[in-house]
Amino acid sequence: MRYTVKAMRGDAVVDLDLEAQDPLAARDEAVRQGYEALVVRRRSFLSRFEVSLKREFPTALFTVQLVALLDAGLNVVEALQALASKEQLAQRRRVIEELLSGLRAGESFSQAVGRLPGHFPRIYAAVVRASERTGDLRRALARYLEYEDKFDRVRKKISAALLYPAVLVVAGTLVLTFLMFYVVPRFGRIYEDLSGNLPLFSGLLLAVGGFIERHGWLVGALLAAAVAAAAYGLARRDVRAALTARLWRVPQVGEQMKIYQLARLYGTLGMLLRSGVPIVASMGMTASLLPAHLRAQLARARTLIEGGASISSAMATAGLSTAIADQMMVVGERSGQMGEMMERIAAFHDDDLARWIDWSMRLLEPLLMAIIGVAVGLVVVLMYMPVFELANSLQ
């Protein structure tokens, strides 16, 4: 379950978004991160919309600006001071000032970033921490931006591919709703005198239309309640997990979902390895990005590596690789460029996923149009069938 913890460190009060089994565990997690927990609240259905409406700290934009200032020759403190002075939103300025206060108190930049898990993910802090060993913060941040940009492109491609089918479904639903709530009841009144001579299916359709006309508010309320219940269910983590588990069992869909997750896994591991983070620590940070059943497989691979197994054999044994990934990881182990090779594996799987999405959408879009067209056409034909019957009887 997700909890919102209002916590304090020094003079700063922040809202932490934590996952825990119960409120006490959420409070303990906040204390473990160095905060004093003030209020613990379970994330409700409405709070998800509240969080989405808030102006959250733009980590990617902040990083782009920070890299630009570091390229210009400023050190980290000077760059943060410049960003804080130009920031107009008080909430975002407080985040930058919190980083500055940590640096002035003698903390490293990675420690200052690690104190703000609600704004900077663990992977971000790990990249910064690794860069402090090499002294090249700018390159590490640029590598993180490249990593985020790759996966942002994949997410945008998936969203764009699903947009047109979603529009088709919504438009078809609206047309059918208009027909059933407005057109069919009026045809029913026209055919009242022919009730005994109506074709069977036309009579059933008009009976449904008549019921909707008499109890329109009740039907509308039931539909609204069904939509609200579906939205509430999708907002719950356990419901989404159950639906995702069912999708994983669909042969073609589950295979591509695994490809997507493996691309995220290899891309993240590659970025962390290139930044200087050890493979075992990288796996621990990457686990939170994966669904529950893949986390167990990743934990098994991590245990095998800790026991002395190679990365390629551990990933294959744990079921976290493909034939292409196996071969490329072996090459990466021989060349000593495992980070670069894992990023290439992620890019290969991203391209494979993109081709599958294009093929699926070319099949799904005409199929949806045909289904919606048949449904609307069937309603229209059933409405006019009594007219055709009457015309035939007159002839």
Foldseek 3Di string as FASTA:
>chain_A
DWKWWFWDDDHDTDTDIDDDDDQVRVQVVLVVLPTHTDDIGHCALVVVVVVVPDDAAPPLVLLVQQLVVVVVPDDNLVSLVVVLVPDDDPVNSVLSVQLNVCVVVPHDSLSSLSSCCVRAPPLRSLLCVLCVVVVCNSVSSVLVSVLVVVVVVLVVLLVVLVVLVVVLVVVLVVLVVCCLAPVLQVLLVVCVVVQVPAPDVLNVSSVSSVVCNVPVVVVVVVVVVVVVVVSNLCSDPVSVLVVVVVLLPPVPSVVLVLLLLLLQLLSQLLSSVVSPHDNLVSLVSCLVVDDDVVSVLSVQLSVVVVVPDQNLVSCVVSVSDDPVLSVLCVVCVVVVNNSVSSNVSSVVSSVVSSVVSVVVSVVVNVVSVVVSVVVSVVSVCSSCVVVVVVVVVVD
